[in-house]
Amino acid sequence: MTAAWQVSQKETFSAMIGNILNTSVLNLGTEGYGTLNELLAYKKHIKFGNLVILMFTENDIIDNQCELVLKSEMKGNKLLAPCAYLQDNEMRINMDFDTSYYYRPAYRIKIRRLFRSSILLKNLLKRAVNKKPKSTTQNDELLEYFNVYTQQESQEWKDAWVITEKVLIELKKEIEKNGGQFVLVLNATHMMTSKNWKKDMSHRITNLNLFDELDPLYPVERMKNIAERNNIKCYTMQDRFINYRDTFNVEYPYFSFWCDKHWNPIGHFIAANVIAEYLVRDGYFYLSDDGKNNLYKIIETNLNTPPIELLGKKSFDSIFNHGIYKGNSHLSEMNMSEGK
């Protein structure tokens, strides 16, 4: 589940998994949804699927806990979706939220996306904003977000991790009750795959002493522990991303955009290939022996193709040289399976 509106539909990892495995894949991700919202959506609207893959990103921890949502700079100090809190160690869901965010005029959405995809426009906006000193509140909100990378001991964070585990347990039960299988995939985020994450994040964090407390892999390791003790199948991708990065000396912004830390098309492409390979190797998707061998060769070829060949020069320059990406890469020509 991932919204992935930073790339075209055919460039999303879900669409490419469908191409690689020659099967139907539905992407049910929604912008701003955390794990709790995904559980509620599954119970109310979905209740089907032989296999449900949940793409988990660390900011989902914040989205699951009401007090952290209100503290987060990204949410504008108001609840925009259901969230949860603990009462006597029982999870309670708060359904009192503002729906106006999801009913914005189309022109406002287009303007927001343009600013997020253009390094020039974002830098102009930054200069205007930076003329005014950041408030203490803004800094506190930003620092709150980065607490997901620390062994934060505040009650809100303790509750957030407990809520997240409870939600995953319930989601697994719901999926299995409906005859499906559940796989938790842990996102390979920018901080995990960066060559120098401290340098990359220095423009966002003025308190450099905080770096000593941050561990980009902390949420991954904690989620792996949650999955193991609850018998949830879990797959991590960061090693495969880092291997591709080092093989082709991929430079900043790596698998993201200059102005947006969501995956660029290369990020989606790698994710699609390694997830497809995992699903076949672990028996979630059946292929004959010949089909498996053919698939593994295709994936090996895909992951040994440099970024400029996958994207084309124009798209490569737009992503890695401060341009505006318009969704016209060569990826759809690269990832087709020859069938089962």
C-alpha atoms as a PDB file:
ATOM      1  CA  MET A   1       0.000   0.000   0.000  1.00  0.00           C
ATOM      2  CA  THR A   2       1.536   3.277  -1.113  1.00  0.00           C
ATOM      3  CA  ALA A   3       0.037   6.326  -2.791  1.00  0.00           C
ATOM      4  CA  ALA A   4       3.158   6.951  -4.952  1.00  0.00           C
ATOM      5  CA  TRP A   5       1.822   9.993  -6.782  1.00  0.00           C
ATOM      6  CA  GLN A   6       5.385  11.244  -7.306  1.00  0.00           C
ATOM      7  CA  VAL A   7       5.649   8.921 -10.330  1.00  0.00           C
ATOM      8  CA  SER A   8       3.298   7.811 -13.095  1.00  0.00           C
ATOM      9  CA  GLN A   9       0.980   4.882 -12.478  1.00  0.00           C
ATOM     10  CA  LYS A  10       2.994   2.525 -14.687  1.00  0.00           C
ATOM     11  CA  GLU A  11       6.148   3.402 -12.698  1.00  0.00           C
ATOM     12  CA  THR A  12       4.773   2.457  -9.265  1.00  0.00           C
ATOM     13  CA  PHE A  13       6.304  -0.613  -7.694  1.00  0.00           C
ATOM     14  CA  SER A  14       2.871  -2.255  -7.489  1.00  0.00           C
ATOM     15  CA  ALA A  15       2.265  -1.887 -11.245  1.00  0.00           C
ATOM     16  CA  MET A  16       5.755  -3.172 -12.012  1.00  0.00           C
ATOM     17  CA  ILE A  17       5.324  -6.203  -9.716  1.00  0.00           C
ATOM     18  CA  GLY A  18       2.223  -7.020 -11.759  1.00  0.00           C
ATOM     19  CA  ASN A  19       4.259  -6.778 -14.968  1.00  0.00           C
ATOM     20  CA  ILE A  20       7.135  -8.858 -13.644  1.00  0.00           C
ATOM     21  CA  LEU A  21       4.881 -11.630 -12.311  1.00  0.00           C
ATOM     22  CA  ASN A  22       2.279 -11.317 -15.078  1.00  0.00           C
ATOM     23  CA  THR A  23      -0.535 -10.988 -12.547  1.00  0.00           C
ATOM     24  CA  SER A  24      -3.039  -8.445 -11.248  1.00  0.00           C
ATOM     25  CA  VAL A  25      -1.846  -6.180  -8.440  1.00  0.00           C
ATOM     26  CA  LEU A  26      -4.050  -3.534  -6.836  1.00  0.00           C
ATOM     27  CA  ASN A  27      -2.412  -0.526  -5.193  1.00  0.00           C
ATOM     28  CA  LEU A  28      -4.712   0.574  -2.361  1.00  0.00           C
ATOM     29  CA  GLY A  29      -2.363   3.086  -0.757  1.00  0.00           C
ATOM     30  CA  THR A  30      -3.701   6.508   0.220  1.00  0.00           C
ATOM     31  CA  GLU A  31      -1.718   9.650   0.928  1.00  0.00           C
ATOM     32  CA  GLY A  32      -1.360  10.291   4.654  1.00  0.00           C
ATOM     33  CA  TYR A  33      -2.551   6.863   5.787  1.00  0.00           C
ATOM     34  CA  GLY A  34      -0.802   5.106   8.661  1.00  0.00           C
ATOM     35  CA  THR A  35      -1.118   1.451   9.655  1.00  0.00           C
ATOM     36  CA  LEU A  36      -4.312   2.054  11.621  1.00  0.00           C
ATOM     37  CA  ASN A  37      -6.022   3.716   8.654  1.00  0.00           C
ATOM     38  CA  GLU A  38      -4.946   0.832   6.437  1.00  0.00           C
ATOM     39  CA  LEU A  39      -6.482  -1.635   8.880  1.00  0.00           C
ATOM     40  CA  LEU A  40      -9.767   0.298   8.948  1.00  0.00           C
ATOM     41  CA  ALA A  41      -9.809   0.547   5.140  1.00  0.00           C
ATOM     42  CA  TYR A  42      -9.205  -3.188   4.785  1.00  0.00           C
ATOM     43  CA  LYS A  43     -11.984  -4.103   7.216  1.00  0.00           C
ATOM     44  CA  LYS A  44     -14.528  -1.750   5.668  1.00  0.00           C
ATOM     45  CA  HIS A  45     -13.767  -1.684   1.960  1.00  0.00           C
ATOM     46  CA  ILE A  46     -11.490  -4.542   0.920  1.00  0.00           C
ATOM     47  CA  LYS A  47     -11.724  -7.950   2.629  1.00  0.00           C
ATOM     48  CA  PHE A  48     -10.245  -9.753  -0.363  1.00  0.00           C
ATOM     49  CA  GLY A  49      -6.947 -10.627  -1.955  1.00  0.00           C
ATOM     50  CA  ASN A  50      -4.914 -13.816  -1.927  1.00  0.00           C
ATOM     51  CA  LEU A  51      -1.919 -11.848  -0.738  1.00  0.00           C
ATOM     52  CA  VAL A  52      -1.810  -8.491   1.034  1.00  0.00           C
ATOM     53  CA  ILE A  53       1.522  -6.641   1.113  1.00  0.00           C
ATOM     54  CA  LEU A  54       1.804  -3.800   3.599  1.00  0.00           C
ATOM     55  CA  MET A  55       4.596  -1.349   2.758  1.00  0.00           C
ATOM     56  CA  PHE A  56       5.606   0.072   6.128  1.00  0.00           C
ATOM     57  CA  THR A  57       7.435   3.381   6.560  1.00  0.00           C
ATOM     58  CA  GLU A  58       8.629   4.750   9.885  1.00  0.00           C
ATOM     59  CA  ASN A  59       6.382   7.821   9.805  1.00  0.00           C
ATOM     60  CA  ASP A  60       3.450   5.378  10.076  1.00  0.00           C
ATOM     61  CA  ILE A  61       4.348   5.105  13.768  1.00  0.00           C
ATOM     62  CA  ILE A  62       3.478   8.774  14.216  1.00  0.00           C
ATOM     63  CA  ASP A  63       0.286   8.492  12.169  1.00  0.00           C
ATOM     64  CA  ASN A  64      -0.995   5.731  14.450  1.00  0.00           C
ATOM     65  CA  GLN A  65      -0.877   7.701  17.726  1.00  0.00           C
ATOM     66  CA  CYS A  66      -3.104  10.750  18.225  1.00  0.00           C
ATOM     67  CA  GLU A  67      -0.804  12.878  20.382  1.00  0.00           C
ATOM     68  CA  LEU A  68       2.138  12.389  18.030  1.00  0.00           C
ATOM     69  CA  VAL A  69      -0.019  13.318  15.053  1.00  0.00           C
ATOM     70  CA  LEU A  70      -0.904  16.606  16.731  1.00  0.00           C
ATOM     71  CA  LYS A  71       2.769  17.304  17.417  1.00  0.00           C
ATOM     72  CA  SER A  72       3.897  16.504  13.901  1.00  0.00           C
ATOM     73  CA  GLU A  73       4.778  19.412  11.646  1.00  0.00           C
ATOM     74  CA  MET A  74       3.383  17.537   8.657  1.00  0.00           C
ATOM     75  CA  LYS A  75      -0.167  17.414   9.985  1.00  0.00           C
ATOM     76  CA  GLY A  76      -0.730  21.084  10.717  1.00  0.00           C
ATOM     77  CA  ASN A  77      -1.611  20.527  14.390  1.00  0.00           C
ATOM     78  CA  LYS A  78      -4.935  18.884  13.643  1.00  0.00           C
ATOM     79  CA  LEU A  79      -6.194  15.367  13.149  1.00  0.00           C
ATOM     80  CA  LEU A  80      -6.725  14.581   9.472  1.00  0.00           C
ATOM     81  CA  ALA A  81      -7.495  10.871   9.787  1.00  0.00           C
ATOM     82  CA  PRO A  82      -8.408   8.302  12.442  1.00  0.00           C
ATOM     83  CA  CYS A  83      -5.741   7.711  15.076  1.00  0.00           C
ATOM     84  CA  ALA A  84      -5.516   5.735  18.307  1.00  0.00           C
ATOM     85  CA  TYR A  85      -4.614   6.083  21.959  1.00  0.00           C
ATOM     86  CA  LEU A  86      -4.227   3.633  24.810  1.00  0.00           C
ATOM     87  CA  GLN A  87      -6.594   3.401  27.760  1.00  0.00           C
ATOM     88  CA  ASP A  88      -5.823   0.710  30.342  1.00  0.00           C
ATOM     89  CA  ASN A  89      -3.539  -0.842  27.709  1.00  0.00           C
ATOM     90  CA  GLU A  90      -6.503  -1.190  25.349  1.00  0.00           C
ATOM     91  CA  MET A  91      -6.419   0.530  21.967  1.00  0.00           C
ATOM     92  CA  ARG A  92      -9.109   3.176  21.485  1.00  0.00           C
ATOM     93  CA  ILE A  93      -9.732   4.691  18.062  1.00  0.00           C
ATOM     94  CA  ASN A  94     -10.487   8.396  17.673  1.00  0.00           C
ATOM     95  CA  MET A  95     -12.749   8.958  14.657  1.00  0.00           C
ATOM     96  CA  ASP A  96     -13.127  12.702  15.220  1.00  0.00           C
ATOM     97  CA  PHE A  97     -10.978  14.234  12.491  1.00  0.00           C
ATOM     98  CA  ASP A  98     -10.998  17.015   9.899  1.00  0.00           C
ATOM     99  CA  THR A  99     -11.841  15.741   6.399  1.00  0.00           C
ATOM    100  CA  SER A 100     -11.242  19.068   4.596  1.00  0.00           C
ATOM    101  CA  TYR A 101      -7.649  18.089   3.715  1.00  0.00           C
ATOM    102  CA  TYR A 102      -8.928  15.336   1.420  1.00  0.00           C
ATOM    103  CA  TYR A 103     -11.419  17.623  -0.314  1.00  0.00           C
ATOM    104  CA  ARG A 104      -9.066  20.398  -1.401  1.00  0.00           C
ATOM    105  CA  PRO A 105      -9.637  22.154  -4.735  1.00  0.00           C
ATOM    106  CA  ALA A 106      -7.773  20.463  -7.575  1.00  0.00           C
ATOM    107  CA  TYR A 107      -5.653  23.551  -8.289  1.00  0.00           C
ATOM    108  CA  ARG A 108      -4.256  23.523  -4.722  1.00  0.00           C
ATOM    109  CA  ILE A 109      -3.222  19.881  -5.064  1.00  0.00           C
ATOM    110  CA  LYS A 110      -1.520  20.600  -8.404  1.00  0.00           C
ATOM    111  CA  ILE A 111       0.367  23.583  -6.952  1.00  0.00           C
ATOM    112  CA  ARG A 112       1.516  21.546  -3.955  1.00  0.00           C
ATOM    113  CA  ARG A 113       2.777  18.732  -6.157  1.00  0.00           C
ATOM    114  CA  LEU A 114       4.556  21.176  -8.476  1.00  0.00           C
ATOM    115  CA  PHE A 115       6.455  22.703  -5.540  1.00  0.00           C
ATOM    116  CA  ARG A 116       7.407  19.267  -4.262  1.00  0.00           C
ATOM    117  CA  SER A 117       8.735  18.172  -7.673  1.00  0.00           C
ATOM    118  CA  SER A 118      10.661  21.353  -8.566  1.00  0.00           C
ATOM    119  CA  ILE A 119      13.968  22.152  -6.870  1.00  0.00           C
ATOM    120  CA  LEU A 120      13.876  25.726  -8.234  1.00  0.00           C
ATOM    121  CA  LEU A 121      10.434  26.547  -6.856  1.00  0.00           C
ATOM    122  CA  LYS A 122      11.232  24.929  -3.532  1.00  0.00           C
ATOM    123  CA  ASN A 123      14.462  26.898  -3.165  1.00  0.00           C
ATOM    124  CA  LEU A 124      12.620  30.145  -3.883  1.00  0.00           C
ATOM    125  CA  LEU A 125      10.072  29.265  -1.225  1.00  0.00           C
ATOM    126  CA  LYS A 126      12.846  28.349   1.198  1.00  0.00           C
ATOM    127  CA  ARG A 127      14.550  31.719   0.757  1.00  0.00           C
ATOM    128  CA  ALA A 128      11.322  33.510   1.529  1.00  0.00           C
ATOM    129  CA  VAL A 129      10.641  31.374   4.594  1.00  0.00           C
ATOM    130  CA  ASN A 130      14.209  31.529   5.872  1.00  0.00           C
ATOM    131  CA  LYS A 131      14.078  35.308   6.145  1.00  0.00           C
ATOM    132  CA  LYS A 132      12.025  34.708   9.264  1.00  0.00           C
ATOM    133  CA  PRO A 133      13.541  32.800  12.177  1.00  0.00           C
ATOM    134  CA  LYS A 134      11.987  29.434  12.861  1.00  0.00           C
ATOM    135  CA  SER A 135       9.818  29.367  15.921  1.00  0.00           C
ATOM    136  CA  THR A 136      10.624  27.131  18.854  1.00  0.00           C
ATOM    137  CA  THR A 137       7.389  25.300  18.180  1.00  0.00           C
ATOM    138  CA  GLN A 138       8.426  24.493  14.598  1.00  0.00           C
ATOM    139  CA  ASN A 139      11.778  23.134  15.740  1.00  0.00           C
ATOM    140  CA  ASP A 140      10.124  21.064  18.464  1.00  0.00           C
ATOM    141  CA  GLU A 141       7.699  19.576  15.927  1.00  0.00           C
ATOM    142  CA  LEU A 142      10.545  18.647  13.590  1.00  0.00           C
ATOM    143  CA  LEU A 143      12.574  17.095  16.385  1.00  0.00           C
ATOM    144  CA  GLU A 144       9.513  15.080  17.431  1.00  0.00           C
ATOM    145  CA  TYR A 145       9.420  13.457  14.006  1.00  0.00           C
ATOM    146  CA  PHE A 146      13.058  12.323  14.238  1.00  0.00           C
ATOM    147  CA  ASN A 147      12.400  10.627  17.568  1.00  0.00           C
ATOM    148  CA  VAL A 148      11.311   7.589  15.563  1.00  0.00           C
ATOM    149  CA  TYR A 149      15.038   6.974  15.031  1.00  0.00           C
ATOM    150  CA  THR A 150      15.820   6.975  18.762  1.00  0.00           C
ATOM    151  CA  GLN A 151      14.927   4.838  21.735  1.00  0.00           C
ATOM    152  CA  GLN A 152      12.498   7.542  22.751  1.00  0.00           C
ATOM    153  CA  GLU A 153      11.071   6.927  26.210  1.00  0.00           C
ATOM    154  CA  SER A 154       8.209   9.431  26.284  1.00  0.00           C
ATOM    155  CA  GLN A 155       4.792   7.939  26.982  1.00  0.00           C
ATOM    156  CA  GLU A 156       3.500   9.001  23.565  1.00  0.00           C
ATOM    157  CA  TRP A 157       6.200   7.015  21.794  1.00  0.00           C
ATOM    158  CA  LYS A 158       5.790   3.992  24.046  1.00  0.00           C
ATOM    159  CA  ASP A 159       2.084   4.042  23.250  1.00  0.00           C
ATOM    160  CA  ALA A 160       2.744   4.527  19.532  1.00  0.00           C
ATOM    161  CA  TRP A 161       4.829   1.362  19.318  1.00  0.00           C
ATOM    162  CA  VAL A 162       2.255  -0.618  21.317  1.00  0.00           C
ATOM    163  CA  ILE A 163      -0.571   0.642  19.090  1.00  0.00           C
ATOM    164  CA  THR A 164       1.373  -0.211  15.947  1.00  0.00           C
ATOM    165  CA  GLU A 165       1.941  -3.765  17.135  1.00  0.00           C
ATOM    166  CA  LYS A 166      -1.725  -4.205  18.073  1.00  0.00           C
ATOM    167  CA  VAL A 167      -2.803  -2.926  14.656  1.00  0.00           C
ATOM    168  CA  LEU A 168      -0.477  -5.306  12.812  1.00  0.00           C
ATOM    169  CA  ILE A 169      -1.746  -8.261  14.847  1.00  0.00           C
ATOM    170  CA  GLU A 170      -5.355  -7.376  14.067  1.00  0.00           C
ATOM    171  CA  LEU A 171      -4.634  -6.794  10.378  1.00  0.00           C
ATOM    172  CA  LYS A 172      -2.951 -10.200  10.102  1.00  0.00           C
ATOM    173  CA  LYS A 173      -5.965 -11.866  11.735  1.00  0.00           C
ATOM    174  CA  GLU A 174      -8.415 -10.088   9.413  1.00  0.00           C
ATOM    175  CA  ILE A 175      -6.478 -11.040   6.280  1.00  0.00           C
ATOM    176  CA  GLU A 176      -6.104 -14.676   7.313  1.00  0.00           C
ATOM    177  CA  LYS A 177      -9.785 -14.839   8.305  1.00  0.00           C
ATOM    178  CA  ASN A 178     -10.602 -13.862   4.720  1.00  0.00           C
ATOM    179  CA  GLY A 179      -8.340 -16.582   3.331  1.00  0.00           C
ATOM    180  CA  GLY A 180      -5.386 -14.389   2.434  1.00  0.00           C
ATOM    181  CA  GLN A 181      -1.723 -14.190   3.343  1.00  0.00           C
ATOM    182  CA  PHE A 182      -0.033 -11.177   4.894  1.00  0.00           C
ATOM    183  CA  VAL A 183       3.482  -9.920   4.198  1.00  0.00           C
ATOM    184  CA  LEU A 184       5.014  -6.901   5.896  1.00  0.00           C
ATOM    185  CA  VAL A 185       7.588  -5.101   3.731  1.00  0.00           C
ATOM    186  CA  LEU A 186       9.796  -2.524   5.440  1.00  0.00           C
ATOM    187  CA  ASN A 187      10.479   0.483   3.258  1.00  0.00           C
ATOM    188  CA  ALA A 188      14.056   1.331   2.245  1.00  0.00           C
ATOM    189  CA  THR A 189      13.925   5.032   3.084  1.00  0.00           C
ATOM    190  CA  HIS A 190      16.273   7.867   2.175  1.00  0.00           C
ATOM    191  CA  MET A 191      18.039   7.865   5.547  1.00  0.00           C
ATOM    192  CA  MET A 192      18.648   4.109   5.310  1.00  0.00           C
ATOM    193  CA  THR A 193      20.089   4.193   1.796  1.00  0.00           C
ATOM    194  CA  SER A 194      22.054   7.458   1.902  1.00  0.00           C
ATOM    195  CA  LYS A 195      25.857   7.461   1.661  1.00  0.00           C
ATOM    196  CA  ASN A 196      25.966  10.217   4.276  1.00  0.00           C
ATOM    197  CA  TRP A 197      22.593  10.679   5.932  1.00  0.00           C
ATOM    198  CA  LYS A 198      23.938  13.165   8.485  1.00  0.00           C
ATOM    199  CA  LYS A 199      25.025  15.524   5.717  1.00  0.00           C
ATOM    200  CA  ASP A 200      21.753  15.028   3.849  1.00  0.00           C
ATOM    201  CA  MET A 201      19.663  15.845   6.924  1.00  0.00           C
ATOM    202  CA  SER A 202      21.785  18.742   8.229  1.00  0.00           C
ATOM    203  CA  HIS A 203      19.617  21.295   6.394  1.00  0.00           C
ATOM    204  CA  ARG A 204      16.589  20.064   8.357  1.00  0.00           C
ATOM    205  CA  ILE A 205      18.138  19.665  11.794  1.00  0.00           C
ATOM    206  CA  THR A 206      19.901  22.663  13.315  1.00  0.00           C
ATOM    207  CA  ASN A 207      20.665  20.799  16.532  1.00  0.00           C
ATOM    208  CA  LEU A 208      23.606  18.744  15.243  1.00  0.00           C
ATOM    209  CA  ASN A 209      24.032  17.074  18.636  1.00  0.00           C
ATOM    210  CA  LEU A 210      20.839  15.182  17.856  1.00  0.00           C
ATOM    211  CA  PHE A 211      22.718  13.187  15.203  1.00  0.00           C
ATOM    212  CA  ASP A 212      24.512  11.268  17.934  1.00  0.00           C
ATOM    213  CA  GLU A 213      21.158   9.892  19.110  1.00  0.00           C
ATOM    214  CA  LEU A 214      19.740   8.943  15.695  1.00  0.00           C
ATOM    215  CA  ASP A 215      19.937   5.461  14.223  1.00  0.00           C
ATOM    216  CA  PRO A 216      18.302   5.178  10.766  1.00  0.00           C
ATOM    217  CA  LEU A 217      17.899   1.418  11.211  1.00  0.00           C
ATOM    218  CA  TYR A 218      16.338   1.565  14.679  1.00  0.00           C
ATOM    219  CA  PRO A 219      12.685   1.469  13.476  1.00  0.00           C
ATOM    220  CA  VAL A 220      13.524  -1.356  11.053  1.00  0.00           C
ATOM    221  CA  GLU A 221      15.078  -3.518  13.757  1.00  0.00           C
ATOM    222  CA  ARG A 222      12.187  -2.827  16.111  1.00  0.00           C
ATOM    223  CA  MET A 223       9.625  -3.699  13.435  1.00  0.00           C
ATOM    224  CA  LYS A 224      11.495  -6.927  12.655  1.00  0.00           C
ATOM    225  CA  ASN A 225      11.246  -7.863  16.348  1.00  0.00           C
ATOM    226  CA  ILE A 226       7.515  -7.106  16.368  1.00  0.00           C
ATOM    227  CA  ALA A 227       7.029  -9.252  13.261  1.00  0.00           C
ATOM    228  CA  GLU A 228       9.048 -12.152  14.655  1.00  0.00           C
ATOM    229  CA  ARG A 229       7.206 -12.405  17.966  1.00  0.00           C
ATOM    230  CA  ASN A 230       3.828 -12.241  16.219  1.00  0.00           C
ATOM    231  CA  ASN A 231       4.652 -14.682  13.409  1.00  0.00           C
ATOM    232  CA  ILE A 232       4.284 -11.995  10.748  1.00  0.00           C
ATOM    233  CA  LYS A 233       6.264 -12.554   7.563  1.00  0.00           C
ATOM    234  CA  CYS A 234       8.610  -9.605   7.142  1.00  0.00           C
ATOM    235  CA  TYR A 235      10.921  -8.566   4.300  1.00  0.00           C
ATOM    236  CA  THR A 236      13.530  -5.792   4.354  1.00  0.00           C
ATOM    237  CA  MET A 237      14.992  -4.206   1.229  1.00  0.00           C
ATOM    238  CA  GLN A 238      17.668  -1.728   2.249  1.00  0.00           C
ATOM    239  CA  ASP A 239      20.606  -4.068   1.532  1.00  0.00           C
ATOM    240  CA  ARG A 240      19.449  -4.550  -2.071  1.00  0.00           C
ATOM    241  CA  PHE A 241      19.038  -0.794  -2.521  1.00  0.00           C
ATOM    242  CA  ILE A 242      22.505  -0.120  -1.090  1.00  0.00           C
ATOM    243  CA  ASN A 243      24.029  -2.791  -3.328  1.00  0.00           C
ATOM    244  CA  TYR A 244      22.509  -1.129  -6.410  1.00  0.00           C
ATOM    245  CA  ARG A 245      23.649   2.293  -5.185  1.00  0.00           C
ATOM    246  CA  ASP A 246      27.237   1.137  -4.752  1.00  0.00           C
ATOM    247  CA  THR A 247      27.339  -0.930  -7.968  1.00  0.00           C
ATOM    248  CA  PHE A 248      26.454   2.096 -10.100  1.00  0.00           C
ATOM    249  CA  ASN A 249      27.751   4.813  -7.773  1.00  0.00           C
ATOM    250  CA  VAL A 250      24.292   6.386  -7.560  1.00  0.00           C
ATOM    251  CA  GLU A 251      24.596   9.883  -6.138  1.00  0.00           C
ATOM    252  CA  TYR A 252      22.217  12.123  -4.213  1.00  0.00           C
ATOM    253  CA  PRO A 253      19.209  12.081  -4.172  1.00  0.00           C
ATOM    254  CA  TYR A 254      19.732   8.322  -4.681  1.00  0.00           C
ATOM    255  CA  PHE A 255      16.283   6.731  -4.879  1.00  0.00           C
ATOM    256  CA  SER A 256      14.316   9.887  -4.045  1.00  0.00           C
ATOM    257  CA  PHE A 257      13.888  13.389  -5.461  1.00  0.00           C
ATOM    258  CA  TRP A 258      15.763  16.553  -4.513  1.00  0.00           C
ATOM    259  CA  CYS A 259      12.585  18.054  -3.091  1.00  0.00           C
ATOM    260  CA  ASP A 260      10.730  14.963  -1.985  1.00  0.00           C
ATOM    261  CA  LYS A 261      12.077  11.968  -0.074  1.00  0.00           C
ATOM    262  CA  HIS A 262       9.530   9.591  -1.565  1.00  0.00           C
ATOM    263  CA  TRP A 263      10.894   7.108  -4.100  1.00  0.00           C
ATOM    264  CA  ASN A 264      11.776   8.219  -7.593  1.00  0.00           C
ATOM    265  CA  PRO A 265      11.198   5.693 -10.449  1.00  0.00           C
ATOM    266  CA  ILE A 266      14.484   3.891  -9.725  1.00  0.00           C
ATOM    267  CA  GLY A 267      13.361   3.301  -6.127  1.00  0.00           C
ATOM    268  CA  HIS A 268      10.072   1.846  -7.318  1.00  0.00           C
ATOM    269  CA  PHE A 269      11.875  -0.275  -9.907  1.00  0.00           C
ATOM    270  CA  ILE A 270      14.279  -1.847  -7.422  1.00  0.00           C
ATOM    271  CA  ALA A 271      11.469  -2.452  -4.922  1.00  0.00           C
ATOM    272  CA  ALA A 272       9.327  -4.150  -7.574  1.00  0.00           C
ATOM    273  CA  ASN A 273      12.111  -6.493  -8.622  1.00  0.00           C
ATOM    274  CA  VAL A 274      13.291  -7.526  -5.160  1.00  0.00           C
ATOM    275  CA  ILE A 275       9.738  -7.943  -3.808  1.00  0.00           C
ATOM    276  CA  ALA A 276       8.735 -10.039  -6.821  1.00  0.00           C
ATOM    277  CA  GLU A 277      11.810 -12.211  -6.310  1.00  0.00           C
ATOM    278  CA  TYR A 278      11.012 -12.599  -2.594  1.00  0.00           C
ATOM    279  CA  LEU A 279       7.399 -13.591  -3.276  1.00  0.00           C
ATOM    280  CA  VAL A 280       8.470 -16.343  -5.654  1.00  0.00           C
ATOM    281  CA  ARG A 281      11.398 -17.640  -3.582  1.00  0.00           C
ATOM    282  CA  ASP A 282       9.269 -17.843  -0.424  1.00  0.00           C
ATOM    283  CA  GLY A 283       6.336 -19.551  -2.137  1.00  0.00           C
ATOM    284  CA  TYR A 284       3.760 -16.730  -2.090  1.00  0.00           C
ATOM    285  CA  PHE A 285       3.523 -16.772  -5.870  1.00  0.00           C
ATOM    286  CA  TYR A 286       3.706 -20.063  -7.779  1.00  0.00           C
ATOM    287  CA  LEU A 287       5.865 -20.487 -10.858  1.00  0.00           C
ATOM    288  CA  SER A 288       7.120 -23.654 -12.533  1.00  0.00           C
ATOM    289  CA  ASP A 289      10.832 -24.377 -12.227  1.00  0.00           C
ATOM    290  CA  ASP A 290      11.400 -23.018 -15.724  1.00  0.00           C
ATOM    291  CA  GLY A 291       9.297 -19.986 -14.857  1.00  0.00           C
ATOM    292  CA  LYS A 292      11.362 -19.330 -11.742  1.00  0.00           C
ATOM    293  CA  ASN A 293      14.653 -19.589 -13.600  1.00  0.00           C
ATOM    294  CA  ASN A 294      13.369 -17.270 -16.301  1.00  0.00           C
ATOM    295  CA  LEU A 295      12.133 -14.767 -13.713  1.00  0.00           C
ATOM    296  CA  TYR A 296      15.410 -14.757 -11.787  1.00  0.00           C
ATOM    297  CA  LYS A 297      17.323 -14.035 -15.001  1.00  0.00           C
ATOM    298  CA  ILE A 298      15.002 -11.142 -15.838  1.00  0.00           C
ATOM    299  CA  ILE A 299      15.393  -9.673 -12.354  1.00  0.00           C
ATOM    300  CA  GLU A 300      19.173 -10.109 -12.463  1.00  0.00           C
ATOM    301  CA  THR A 301      19.270  -8.249 -15.772  1.00  0.00           C
ATOM    302  CA  ASN A 302      17.017  -5.509 -14.428  1.00  0.00           C
ATOM    303  CA  LEU A 303      19.126  -4.951 -11.322  1.00  0.00           C
ATOM    304  CA  ASN A 304      22.312  -4.879 -13.386  1.00  0.00           C
ATOM    305  CA  THR A 305      21.071  -2.077 -15.603  1.00  0.00           C
ATOM    306  CA  PRO A 306      22.443   1.412 -14.732  1.00  0.00           C
ATOM    307  CA  PRO A 307      20.029   4.229 -13.861  1.00  0.00           C
ATOM    308  CA  ILE A 308      20.639   6.259 -17.013  1.00  0.00           C
ATOM    309  CA  GLU A 309      19.581   3.301 -19.177  1.00  0.00           C
ATOM    310  CA  LEU A 310      16.482   2.685 -17.081  1.00  0.00           C
ATOM    311  CA  LEU A 311      15.427   6.315 -17.111  1.00  0.00           C
ATOM    312  CA  GLY A 312      16.799   7.709 -20.355  1.00  0.00           C
ATOM    313  CA  LYS A 313      19.059  10.749 -20.327  1.00  0.00           C
ATOM    314  CA  LYS A 314      16.285  13.344 -20.131  1.00  0.00           C
ATOM    315  CA  SER A 315      14.576  11.728 -17.150  1.00  0.00           C
ATOM    316  CA  PHE A 316      17.911  10.957 -15.512  1.00  0.00           C
ATOM    317  CA  ASP A 317      18.922  14.630 -15.704  1.00  0.00           C
ATOM    318  CA  SER A 318      15.551  15.796 -14.394  1.00  0.00           C
ATOM    319  CA  ILE A 319      15.953  13.660 -11.263  1.00  0.00           C
ATOM    320  CA  PHE A 320      19.676  13.918 -10.556  1.00  0.00           C
ATOM    321  CA  ASN A 321      20.393  17.407 -11.927  1.00  0.00           C
ATOM    322  CA  HIS A 322      17.696  19.567 -10.333  1.00  0.00           C
ATOM    323  CA  GLY A 323      14.955  19.290 -12.907  1.00  0.00           C
ATOM    324  CA  ILE A 324      11.231  18.507 -12.820  1.00  0.00           C
ATOM    325  CA  TYR A 325      10.468  14.847 -13.453  1.00  0.00           C
ATOM    326  CA  LYS A 326       7.513  14.361 -15.808  1.00  0.00           C
ATOM    327  CA  GLY A 327       7.129  10.597 -15.759  1.00  0.00           C
ATOM    328  CA  ASN A 328       8.657   9.505 -19.054  1.00  0.00           C
ATOM    329  CA  SER A 329      11.286   6.892 -18.193  1.00  0.00           C
ATOM    330  CA  HIS A 330      12.153   3.645 -19.996  1.00  0.00           C
ATOM    331  CA  LEU A 331      11.168   1.469 -17.049  1.00  0.00           C
ATOM    332  CA  SER A 332       8.036  -0.063 -18.524  1.00  0.00           C
ATOM    333  CA  GLU A 333      10.191  -1.485 -21.327  1.00  0.00           C
ATOM    334  CA  MET A 334      12.600  -3.130 -18.900  1.00  0.00           C
ATOM    335  CA  ASN A 335      10.554  -5.115 -16.417  1.00  0.00           C
ATOM    336  CA  MET A 336       8.228  -7.333 -18.427  1.00  0.00           C
ATOM    337  CA  SER A 337       8.158 -11.006 -17.528  1.00  0.00           C
ATOM    338  CA  GLU A 338       7.898 -13.594 -20.288  1.00  0.00           C
ATOM    339  CA  GLY A 339       4.991 -15.203 -18.443  1.00  0.00           C
ATOM    340  CA  LYS A 340       4.492 -18.155 -16.159  1.00  0.00           C
END
